[in-house]
């Protein structure tokens, strides 16, 4: 099974930008749709964004639309999340994961955490006001 490692988190001020990366080892990401999720203290893990294996289609949570951009570089076996205009409410641990192969892309299926596996360990993003 592919192993995922997230990086790029940190402490920033409101309005700043960060780019998260999700690098894979032990396998290729090129055949997987990928997702980013986040989890704040005391809250459930929530969907942020997803991208098809070709990169041709993307899906965003309402909270991410217009501010975040998911992309991928299959040659580098890496998926990215560019986060702009960060807000204090974006503070969370951010995780990437692979969409299960049997799960068809689209709709609510793509935003459910239970449809993903091969989770990374997460990277902390803290946005101060």
Foldseek 3Di string as FASTA:
>chain_A
DKAKAKDWADEEAAQAKIKMKIAIDPDFLLQFKKFKWWDDPPGDIWGAKIAHSVRPDMDGDPVQPPFWDWGDDRVRRMIMIIGGRDDQVVWTWMKMFTFDPVQDDDDPSVTDPVRTDNIYPTDTHGYHD
